């Protein structure tokens, strides 16, 4: 029986409803699946333009697996010696939010060292400081606290109130000490910019002591990740600063209306709680700077300073920082300089080694004798960054005469990575070799005379036996 129009319409509507239901179920499943992704790692990436020790990832031919995958738009990692391991647009200007406060603390501590102020000096919180808004240590107008406590209030909870109170007080004392100008706060800001220049910063301008960058604080205040790495590196040389930024949550006491009041300072640096090597420094966040962080870590052997600016979330900035720290620490390796399967048991400076024979060095008094040689420290290592290329070597040997004893210096071995010297070690005898006696000497003289006419060799050839194992085998890394 043929369907009437109403029946056909109902059938079509039933099919449509089923299709809508199917799409709804699909969208619900996709929504649930998306919730399984962790936002803190959703946008992390490796860019071919990221810079590893002065060369881009693309130039070095590094794989994604060899590089740090981070989310931040700007990043820089530097060690205590100024070596820059990683950069992502690190020299591009950007807002830095409360990372600004690192320089605020640094200038205040410089004023202490110069005798302009003392950490025991008492500050009185002004209305401007108490009313600045945003991140706060909970200070109120009229509160009294010493400068040392104010630095805690500045760095632990990222107190904008403390930032202004410190700048106003220290700036006034600078004026009292003869600094140019007539405005205490601006005098302190001028000192921040002068310090930035002294440190070699390439594109940094400070306009306030806290880092706010909108509304009444809008302007051209900016810096870059590279510059802030320089600032943090300098600040972390000061034990007072290190102690402050490594505190975590703490309680301070201020005088309020003649009575002591305790204020709980809650740390914004969450990496202190989650990363074993973390030791400070400073968070920052504004709409223009995004979620940012200047972090410091020490694994027991070296400091690292990582600057990440404009990560996508509060948690992601810490994830980015930890990723960068781990990447550097994991790629710093102890590279053994003496490498050869042939070994000799030798005693050098009272210590016995099963020492690799790194070379056979010609004895100039003989025509056919060489001396087994090792390094002055057969266990010598050089700390190298594995992704900076493989190690190469060069040996220079002395003109050896007379009796040779174990430990005598026979030359020098120099080791390079990326055309830079990473180690230089003496090459020493691993065996005793006597000079020819009189009769042997006479025979050698006649042999050399004959060889002089026949073109034969006059002395044995020195041979390098040491090898330099590969650090970065691109073929195996890509497989």
Protein backbone atom coordinates (compact mmCIF):
# COMPACT_ATOMS: atom_id res chain seq x y z
CA UNK A 1 0.00 0.00 0.00
CA UNK A 2 1.45 3.41 -0.92
CA UNK A 3 2.31 5.83 1.96
CA UNK A 4 0.15 8.95 2.31
CA UNK A 5 1.85 12.32 2.69
CA UNK A 6 1.47 12.42 6.52
CA UNK A 7 3.05 8.96 6.85
CA UNK A 8 5.96 9.93 4.64
CA UNK A 9 6.49 13.16 6.61
CA UNK A 10 6.55 11.22 9.89
CA UNK A 11 9.09 8.80 8.43
CA UNK A 12 11.35 11.63 7.27
CA UNK A 13 11.07 13.35 10.68
CA UNK A 14 11.97 10.08 12.43
CA UNK A 15 15.13 9.76 10.32
CA UNK A 16 16.03 13.40 11.00
CA UNK A 17 15.64 12.91 14.74
CA UNK A 18 17.91 9.86 14.59
CA UNK A 19 20.55 11.85 12.71
CA UNK A 20 20.35 14.68 15.25
CA UNK A 21 20.71 12.16 18.05
CA UNK A 22 23.74 10.61 16.38
CA UNK A 23 25.42 14.01 15.99
CA UNK A 24 24.64 14.89 19.60
CA UNK A 25 26.17 11.64 20.83
CA UNK A 26 29.25 12.24 18.68
CA UNK A 27 29.69 15.78 20.00
CA UNK A 28 29.28 14.55 23.57
CA UNK A 29 31.93 11.88 23.03
CA UNK A 30 34.32 14.44 21.52
CA UNK A 31 33.69 16.78 24.43
CA UNK A 32 34.50 14.07 26.94
CA UNK A 33 37.61 13.08 25.02
CA UNK A 34 38.86 16.66 24.93
CA UNK A 35 38.47 16.90 28.68
CA UNK A 36 40.99 14.07 29.01
CA UNK A 37 43.74 16.28 27.63
CA UNK A 38 45.72 18.23 30.20
CA UNK A 39 45.52 21.96 29.36
CA UNK A 40 49.02 22.46 30.77
CA UNK A 41 50.55 20.50 27.90
CA UNK A 42 48.02 21.08 25.13
CA UNK A 43 50.05 23.68 23.23
CA UNK A 44 53.62 22.64 23.94
CA UNK A 45 55.75 22.39 20.81
CA UNK A 46 59.24 22.36 19.34
CA UNK A 47 60.03 25.00 16.75
CA UNK A 48 62.70 24.74 14.08
CA UNK A 49 63.62 28.35 14.96
CA UNK A 50 64.29 27.50 18.63
CA UNK A 51 67.95 28.13 19.38
CA UNK A 52 70.20 25.58 21.09
CA UNK A 53 73.58 27.00 22.14
CA UNK A 54 73.60 29.62 19.41
CA UNK A 55 72.23 27.54 16.51
CA UNK A 56 68.65 26.84 15.52
CA UNK A 57 67.14 23.40 15.86
CA UNK A 58 66.98 23.26 12.06
CA UNK A 59 70.65 24.22 11.64
CA UNK A 60 71.73 21.55 14.11
CA UNK A 61 69.55 18.90 12.49
CA UNK A 62 68.04 17.99 15.85
CA UNK A 63 64.95 15.83 16.12
CA UNK A 64 61.82 16.83 18.02
CA UNK A 65 62.64 14.19 20.64
CA UNK A 66 65.99 15.86 21.34
CA UNK A 67 64.49 19.29 22.03
CA UNK A 68 62.34 20.76 24.83
CA UNK A 69 58.65 20.95 23.98
CA UNK A 70 57.25 24.09 25.62
CA UNK A 71 54.27 26.37 25.25
CA UNK A 72 55.72 29.79 26.14
CA UNK A 73 56.06 32.36 23.35
CA UNK A 74 59.36 33.60 24.76
CA UNK A 75 61.96 31.61 26.69
CA UNK A 76 65.60 31.56 27.70
CA UNK A 77 67.73 29.21 29.81
CA UNK A 78 71.08 30.39 31.16
CA UNK A 79 73.49 28.92 33.70
CA UNK A 80 75.55 30.63 36.40
CA UNK A 81 78.44 31.09 33.95
CA UNK A 82 76.26 32.87 31.39
CA UNK A 83 76.03 29.93 28.98
CA UNK A 84 72.73 30.14 27.10
CA UNK A 85 71.39 26.68 26.38
CA UNK A 86 68.04 27.53 24.87
CA UNK A 87 66.25 30.52 23.36
CA UNK A 88 62.82 31.05 21.87
CA UNK A 89 62.40 34.63 20.66
CA UNK A 90 64.44 35.45 23.74
CA UNK A 91 65.56 38.85 22.44
CA UNK A 92 62.11 40.03 21.33
CA UNK A 93 60.50 42.78 23.39
CA UNK A 94 57.54 41.81 25.55
CA UNK A 95 55.81 42.72 28.80
CA UNK A 96 57.17 40.84 31.81
CA UNK A 97 54.59 41.63 34.51
CA UNK A 98 55.79 40.97 38.07
CA UNK A 99 59.11 39.52 36.97
CA UNK A 100 59.90 43.23 37.18
CA UNK A 101 60.14 42.79 40.95
CA UNK A 102 63.44 40.90 40.62
CA UNK A 103 65.07 44.16 39.58
CA UNK A 104 63.22 46.00 42.35
CA UNK A 105 64.76 43.67 44.92
CA UNK A 106 68.18 43.84 43.25
CA UNK A 107 68.31 47.66 43.32
CA UNK A 108 67.16 47.72 46.95
CA UNK A 109 69.88 45.25 47.95
CA UNK A 110 72.46 47.27 46.03
CA UNK A 111 71.42 50.31 48.08
CA UNK A 112 72.03 48.26 51.22
CA UNK A 113 75.52 47.30 50.02
CA UNK A 114 76.27 50.93 49.19
CA UNK A 115 75.30 52.02 52.71
CA UNK A 116 72.37 54.11 51.49
CA UNK A 117 69.85 52.05 53.46
CA UNK A 118 69.89 49.19 55.94
CA UNK A 119 67.77 46.04 56.00
CA UNK A 120 66.71 47.12 59.49
CA UNK A 121 65.38 50.48 58.29
CA UNK A 122 61.67 51.00 58.95
CA UNK A 123 59.35 51.76 56.03
CA UNK A 124 55.90 53.32 56.37
CA UNK A 125 53.36 52.20 53.80
CA UNK A 126 51.88 55.10 51.85
CA UNK A 127 48.35 55.37 50.47
CA UNK A 128 49.73 54.92 46.95
CA UNK A 129 51.37 51.65 47.98
CA UNK A 130 48.38 50.30 49.89
CA UNK A 131 45.91 51.15 47.12
CA UNK A 132 47.84 49.96 44.06
CA UNK A 133 45.72 46.80 43.73
CA UNK A 134 46.23 43.47 41.98
CA UNK A 135 48.69 41.10 43.76
CA UNK A 136 49.17 42.19 47.33
CA UNK A 137 50.96 41.36 50.56
CA UNK A 138 48.00 42.73 52.50
CA UNK A 139 49.73 45.93 53.61
CA UNK A 140 47.63 48.87 54.73
CA UNK A 141 48.36 52.58 54.74
CA UNK A 142 50.40 53.46 57.79
CA UNK A 143 51.80 49.95 58.33
CA UNK A 144 55.40 49.95 59.48
CA UNK A 145 57.87 47.20 58.60
CA UNK A 146 61.59 46.90 58.08
CA UNK A 147 63.14 46.71 54.63
CA UNK A 148 64.06 43.05 55.00
CA UNK A 149 60.44 42.17 55.77
CA UNK A 150 59.30 44.34 52.86
CA UNK A 151 61.48 42.27 50.54
CA UNK A 152 59.68 39.14 51.72
CA UNK A 153 56.37 40.88 51.03
CA UNK A 154 57.66 41.83 47.58
CA UNK A 155 58.95 38.46 46.41
CA UNK A 156 56.91 35.76 48.17
CA UNK A 157 53.30 36.81 47.38
CA UNK A 158 54.36 39.26 44.63
CA UNK A 159 53.17 42.27 46.59
CA UNK A 160 52.61 45.33 44.44
CA UNK A 161 52.07 47.24 47.68
CA UNK A 162 55.52 46.25 48.88
CA UNK A 163 57.03 47.15 45.49
CA UNK A 164 55.86 50.75 45.78
CA UNK A 165 56.72 51.03 49.48
CA UNK A 166 60.29 49.83 48.82
CA UNK A 167 60.76 52.10 45.80
CA UNK A 168 59.43 55.17 47.62
CA UNK A 169 61.62 54.64 50.68
CA UNK A 170 64.85 53.63 48.96
CA UNK A 171 64.37 56.31 46.29
CA UNK A 172 64.06 59.00 48.98
CA UNK A 173 67.21 57.78 50.70
CA UNK A 174 68.99 57.89 47.31
CA UNK A 175 67.94 61.53 46.96
CA UNK A 176 69.16 62.22 50.50
CA UNK A 177 72.50 60.67 49.51
CA UNK A 178 72.85 63.09 46.59
CA UNK A 179 71.14 61.35 43.64
CA UNK A 180 69.90 63.63 40.88
CA UNK A 181 66.20 64.43 40.69
CA UNK A 182 63.42 65.51 43.01
CA UNK A 183 60.97 62.58 42.93
CA UNK A 184 61.81 59.62 45.18
CA UNK A 185 59.85 57.00 43.24
CA UNK A 186 61.24 58.09 39.86
CA UNK A 187 64.75 58.12 41.30
CA UNK A 188 64.35 54.45 42.18
CA UNK A 189 63.00 53.64 38.69
CA UNK A 190 65.98 55.45 37.17
CA UNK A 191 68.25 53.24 39.28
CA UNK A 192 66.46 50.15 37.94
CA UNK A 193 67.15 51.24 34.37
CA UNK A 194 70.77 52.11 35.17
CA UNK A 195 71.27 48.65 36.72
CA UNK A 196 69.72 47.05 33.65
CA UNK A 197 72.24 48.85 31.46
CA UNK A 198 75.12 47.84 33.73
CA UNK A 199 74.13 44.17 33.38
CA UNK A 200 74.23 44.35 29.58
CA UNK A 201 70.49 44.16 28.96
CA UNK A 202 69.72 44.81 25.32
CA UNK A 203 66.05 45.88 25.31
CA UNK A 204 64.67 46.66 28.76
CA UNK A 205 62.77 49.70 30.00
CA UNK A 206 61.34 49.94 33.53
CA UNK A 207 58.56 52.46 34.23
CA UNK A 208 57.41 51.15 37.61
CA UNK A 209 58.60 48.85 40.35
CA UNK A 210 55.82 46.23 40.18
CA UNK A 211 55.19 45.35 36.54
CA UNK A 212 51.55 46.35 36.04
CA UNK A 213 51.09 47.40 32.42
CA UNK A 214 47.51 48.57 31.87
CA UNK A 215 45.26 51.44 32.92
CA UNK A 216 47.26 54.12 34.71
CA UNK A 217 50.35 51.93 34.35
CA UNK A 218 50.11 51.49 30.57
CA UNK A 219 53.23 52.54 28.70
CA UNK A 220 56.43 51.34 27.13
CA UNK A 221 57.72 49.25 30.04
CA UNK A 222 59.11 46.06 28.52
CA UNK A 223 62.01 43.63 28.50
CA UNK A 224 62.89 40.30 26.91
CA UNK A 225 63.61 36.78 28.15
CA UNK A 226 67.36 37.13 27.54
CA UNK A 227 67.60 40.32 29.59
CA UNK A 228 65.62 38.85 32.46
CA UNK A 229 67.93 35.83 32.51
CA UNK A 230 70.80 38.28 33.03
CA UNK A 231 68.89 40.00 35.83
CA UNK A 232 68.04 36.73 37.59
CA UNK A 233 71.62 35.49 37.20
CA UNK A 234 72.87 38.63 38.94
CA UNK A 235 70.22 38.49 41.67
CA UNK A 236 70.97 34.85 42.49
CA UNK A 237 74.57 35.71 43.35
CA UNK A 238 73.17 37.48 46.44
CA UNK A 239 72.51 35.03 49.29
CA UNK A 240 69.93 37.39 50.78
CA UNK A 241 67.93 37.27 47.58
CA UNK A 242 68.31 33.48 47.27
CA UNK A 243 67.03 33.00 50.78
CA UNK A 244 64.01 35.23 50.16
CA UNK A 245 62.87 33.60 46.93
CA UNK A 246 63.34 30.09 48.30
CA UNK A 247 61.12 30.63 51.36
CA UNK A 248 57.76 29.42 50.16
CA UNK A 249 54.81 30.41 52.35
CA UNK A 250 55.88 32.45 55.35
CA UNK A 251 54.53 34.83 57.97
CA UNK A 252 55.71 38.39 58.56
CA UNK A 253 55.01 40.87 61.31
CA UNK A 254 54.10 44.51 60.68
CA UNK A 255 53.24 47.30 63.08
CA UNK A 256 49.65 48.46 62.53
CA UNK A 257 48.09 51.16 64.67
CA UNK A 258 50.75 50.60 67.32
CA UNK A 259 50.27 46.84 67.52
CA UNK A 260 52.12 43.92 65.94
CA UNK A 261 50.06 42.15 63.29
CA UNK A 262 51.01 38.90 61.60
CA UNK A 263 50.40 38.57 57.87
CA UNK A 264 50.52 35.23 56.04
CA UNK A 265 52.42 35.47 52.76
CA UNK A 266 51.38 32.76 50.33
CA UNK A 267 54.04 31.98 47.73
CA UNK A 268 53.09 32.30 44.08
CA UNK A 269 56.04 30.11 43.05
CA UNK A 270 54.40 26.68 42.98
CA UNK A 271 57.49 25.05 41.49
CA UNK A 272 59.04 25.12 44.96
CA UNK A 273 56.50 22.50 45.98
CA UNK A 274 56.77 20.20 42.98
CA UNK A 275 60.32 20.29 41.59
CA UNK A 276 63.18 18.97 43.68
CA UNK A 277 65.80 21.31 42.24
CA UNK A 278 63.71 24.51 42.41
CA UNK A 279 65.06 27.45 44.42
CA UNK A 280 62.90 30.48 43.39
CA UNK A 281 62.44 33.14 41.77
CA UNK A 282 59.37 35.09 40.55
CA UNK A 283 56.01 34.66 38.86
CA UNK A 284 54.24 37.25 36.74
CA UNK A 285 50.89 37.64 35.03
CA UNK A 286 49.05 40.34 33.12
CA UNK A 287 46.95 40.15 29.97
CA UNK A 288 49.90 41.47 27.95
CA UNK A 289 52.56 39.24 29.53
CA UNK A 290 50.42 36.13 29.86
CA UNK A 291 51.41 33.60 32.50
CA UNK A 292 55.13 34.12 33.01
CA UNK A 293 57.84 32.87 35.33
CA UNK A 294 61.50 33.48 36.08
CA UNK A 295 62.72 30.30 37.75
CA UNK A 296 65.96 29.11 39.30
CA UNK A 297 67.13 25.57 39.96
CA UNK A 298 70.21 23.87 41.35
CA UNK A 299 70.83 20.12 41.01
CA UNK A 300 73.80 20.16 43.34
CA UNK A 301 76.35 21.01 40.68
CA UNK A 302 75.12 24.15 38.91
CA UNK A 303 72.49 26.87 38.86
CA UNK A 304 70.11 27.20 35.93
CA UNK A 305 67.86 30.19 35.29
CA UNK A 306 64.83 29.76 33.04
CA UNK A 307 62.63 32.60 31.84
CA UNK A 308 59.28 31.69 30.27
CA UNK A 309 56.95 34.48 29.16
CA UNK A 310 53.40 34.20 27.87
CA UNK A 311 52.59 30.58 28.63
CA UNK A 312 48.96 29.62 28.19
CA UNK A 313 48.05 28.97 31.84
CA UNK A 314 49.17 29.23 35.43
CA UNK A 315 50.24 25.59 35.52
CA UNK A 316 51.79 25.60 32.06
CA UNK A 317 54.42 28.20 32.97
CA UNK A 318 55.73 25.86 35.67
CA UNK A 319 55.53 22.85 33.34
CA UNK A 320 57.51 24.79 30.72
CA UNK A 321 60.13 25.77 33.29
CA UNK A 322 60.54 22.24 34.62
CA UNK A 323 60.78 20.91 31.05
CA UNK A 324 63.61 23.33 30.29
CA UNK A 325 65.49 22.56 33.50
CA UNK A 326 65.25 18.79 32.99
CA UNK A 327 66.26 19.08 29.35
CA UNK A 328 69.46 20.94 30.22
CA UNK A 329 70.37 18.75 33.19
CA UNK A 330 69.67 15.55 31.22
CA UNK A 331 71.96 16.66 28.39
CA UNK A 332 74.91 17.70 30.55
CA UNK A 333 77.10 14.60 30.62
CA UNK A 334 80.49 13.67 32.01
CA UNK A 335 82.59 12.73 29.00
CA UNK A 336 85.57 10.42 29.65
CA UNK A 337 88.64 11.77 27.88
CA UNK A 338 90.76 8.59 27.84
CA UNK A 339 89.17 5.91 25.66
CA UNK A 340 90.96 2.80 24.42
CA UNK A 341 90.53 -0.92 25.07
CA UNK A 342 94.30 -1.37 25.57
CA UNK A 343 95.19 -0.52 29.17
CA UNK A 344 98.23 -0.50 31.47
CA UNK A 345 98.36 -0.73 35.24
CA UNK A 346 100.18 2.42 36.32
CA UNK A 347 100.71 4.32 39.55
CA UNK A 348 100.52 8.09 39.20
CA UNK A 349 100.88 10.43 42.18
CA UNK A 350 100.40 7.51 44.52
CA UNK A 351 97.21 6.25 42.92
CA UNK A 352 97.04 3.09 40.81
CA UNK A 353 94.95 3.08 37.63
CA UNK A 354 94.04 0.59 34.95
CA UNK A 355 94.83 3.32 32.46
CA UNK A 356 93.86 3.40 28.78
CA UNK A 357 96.86 3.71 26.47
CA UNK A 358 96.06 6.91 24.58
CA UNK A 359 99.18 6.99 22.39
CA UNK A 360 102.50 5.45 21.51
CA UNK A 361 105.01 8.32 21.68
CA UNK A 362 108.28 8.16 19.77
CA UNK A 363 111.50 8.08 21.79
CA UNK A 364 113.86 10.35 19.84
CA UNK A 365 117.02 8.50 20.95
CA UNK A 366 115.82 5.26 19.33
CA UNK A 367 114.90 4.51 15.77
CA UNK A 368 112.15 2.02 16.51
CA UNK A 369 111.04 2.54 20.11
CA UNK A 370 107.84 4.18 21.32
CA UNK A 371 106.54 4.80 24.83
CA UNK A 372 103.06 3.71 25.89
CA UNK A 373 101.32 6.85 27.14
CA UNK A 374 98.17 7.71 29.08
CA UNK A 375 96.64 10.90 30.45
CA UNK A 376 98.01 12.45 33.63
CA UNK A 377 94.57 11.73 35.07
CA UNK A 378 93.36 8.59 33.31
CA UNK A 379 89.89 9.14 34.80
CA UNK A 380 89.66 12.74 33.58
CA UNK A 381 86.24 13.83 32.37
CA UNK A 382 84.84 17.00 30.84
CA UNK A 383 81.28 18.16 31.40
CA UNK A 384 79.74 18.72 28.00
CA UNK A 385 76.31 19.45 26.61
CA UNK A 386 75.48 16.42 24.51
CA UNK A 387 73.53 18.32 21.83
CA UNK A 388 76.40 20.71 21.13
CA UNK A 389 78.12 18.27 18.81
CA UNK A 390 80.67 15.49 19.10
CA UNK A 391 84.06 15.78 20.77
CA UNK A 392 87.30 16.00 18.78
CA UNK A 393 90.93 15.88 19.93
CA UNK A 394 94.45 16.89 19.02
CA UNK A 395 97.74 15.63 20.48
CA UNK A 396 101.08 17.39 20.61
CA UNK A 397 104.13 15.32 21.62
CA UNK A 398 107.43 16.48 23.07
CA UNK A 399 110.82 15.60 21.57
CA UNK A 400 111.61 12.84 24.08
CA UNK A 401 115.24 12.00 25.03
CA UNK A 402 117.00 10.10 27.83
CA UNK A 403 115.56 7.71 30.36
CA UNK A 404 111.77 7.87 30.64
CA UNK A 405 109.86 6.88 33.74
CA UNK A 406 106.17 6.31 34.40
CA UNK A 407 104.48 9.69 34.90
CA UNK A 408 106.98 11.73 32.86
CA UNK A 409 105.25 14.30 30.67
CA UNK A 410 105.41 13.39 26.98
CA UNK A 411 103.02 15.95 25.51
CA UNK A 412 99.55 17.47 25.69
CA UNK A 413 96.09 16.32 24.62
CA UNK A 414 93.48 18.98 23.82
CA UNK A 415 89.78 18.20 23.47
CA UNK A 416 87.21 20.29 21.61
CA UNK A 417 83.47 20.50 21.22
CA UNK A 418 81.99 22.79 18.61
CA UNK A 419 85.48 24.21 18.00
CA UNK A 420 85.84 25.28 21.63
CA UNK A 421 88.40 23.82 24.03
CA UNK A 422 86.69 21.76 26.72
CA UNK A 423 89.79 20.21 28.32
CA UNK A 424 93.57 20.13 28.07
CA UNK A 425 95.46 17.30 29.81
CA UNK A 426 99.12 16.27 30.01
CA UNK A 427 100.08 13.04 28.24
CA UNK A 428 102.41 10.99 30.46
CA UNK A 429 104.44 7.80 30.19
CA UNK A 430 102.66 4.61 31.19
CA UNK A 431 105.92 2.60 31.18
CA UNK A 432 109.61 3.00 31.80
CA UNK A 433 111.84 3.18 28.71
CA UNK A 434 115.63 3.50 29.02
CA UNK A 435 117.81 5.51 26.68
CA UNK A 436 120.24 3.53 24.49
CA UNK A 437 123.55 2.57 26.15
CA UNK A 438 126.86 3.46 24.55
CA UNK A 439 127.09 0.47 22.23
CA UNK A 440 123.40 0.74 21.26
CA UNK A 441 123.95 4.41 20.58
CA UNK A 442 126.85 3.68 18.23
CA UNK A 443 124.75 1.18 16.30
CA UNK A 444 121.88 3.67 16.03
CA UNK A 445 124.30 6.36 14.76
CA UNK A 446 125.49 4.09 11.92
CA UNK A 447 121.93 3.02 11.09
CA UNK A 448 120.77 6.61 10.87
CA UNK A 449 123.73 7.50 8.70
CA UNK A 450 122.79 4.71 6.31
CA UNK A 451 119.11 5.69 6.36
CA UNK A 452 120.08 9.27 5.64
CA UNK A 453 121.39 8.14 2.26
CA UNK A 454 118.70 5.55 1.59
CA UNK A 455 115.75 7.69 2.70
CA UNK A 456 114.84 5.42 5.60
CA UNK A 457 113.23 6.64 8.82
CA UNK A 458 115.35 8.19 11.57
CA UNK A 459 112.91 7.70 14.46
CA UNK A 460 109.67 5.84 15.16
CA UNK A 461 106.37 7.56 14.43
CA UNK A 462 104.15 8.69 17.30
CA UNK A 463 100.64 7.24 17.04
CA UNK A 464 97.43 8.43 18.71
CA UNK A 465 95.34 5.50 19.92
CA UNK A 466 92.71 7.43 21.87
CA UNK A 467 89.19 7.57 20.50
CA UNK A 468 86.39 10.11 20.99
CA UNK A 469 83.05 8.27 21.24
CA UNK A 470 80.10 9.96 19.57
CA UNK A 471 77.82 12.10 21.71
CA UNK A 472 75.23 13.04 19.15
CA UNK A 473 74.80 10.32 16.55
CA UNK A 474 72.18 11.92 14.29
CA UNK A 475 71.62 8.69 12.40
CA UNK A 476 70.74 6.74 15.55
CA UNK A 477 68.82 9.68 17.01
CA UNK A 478 66.56 9.82 13.98
CA UNK A 479 65.88 6.09 13.90
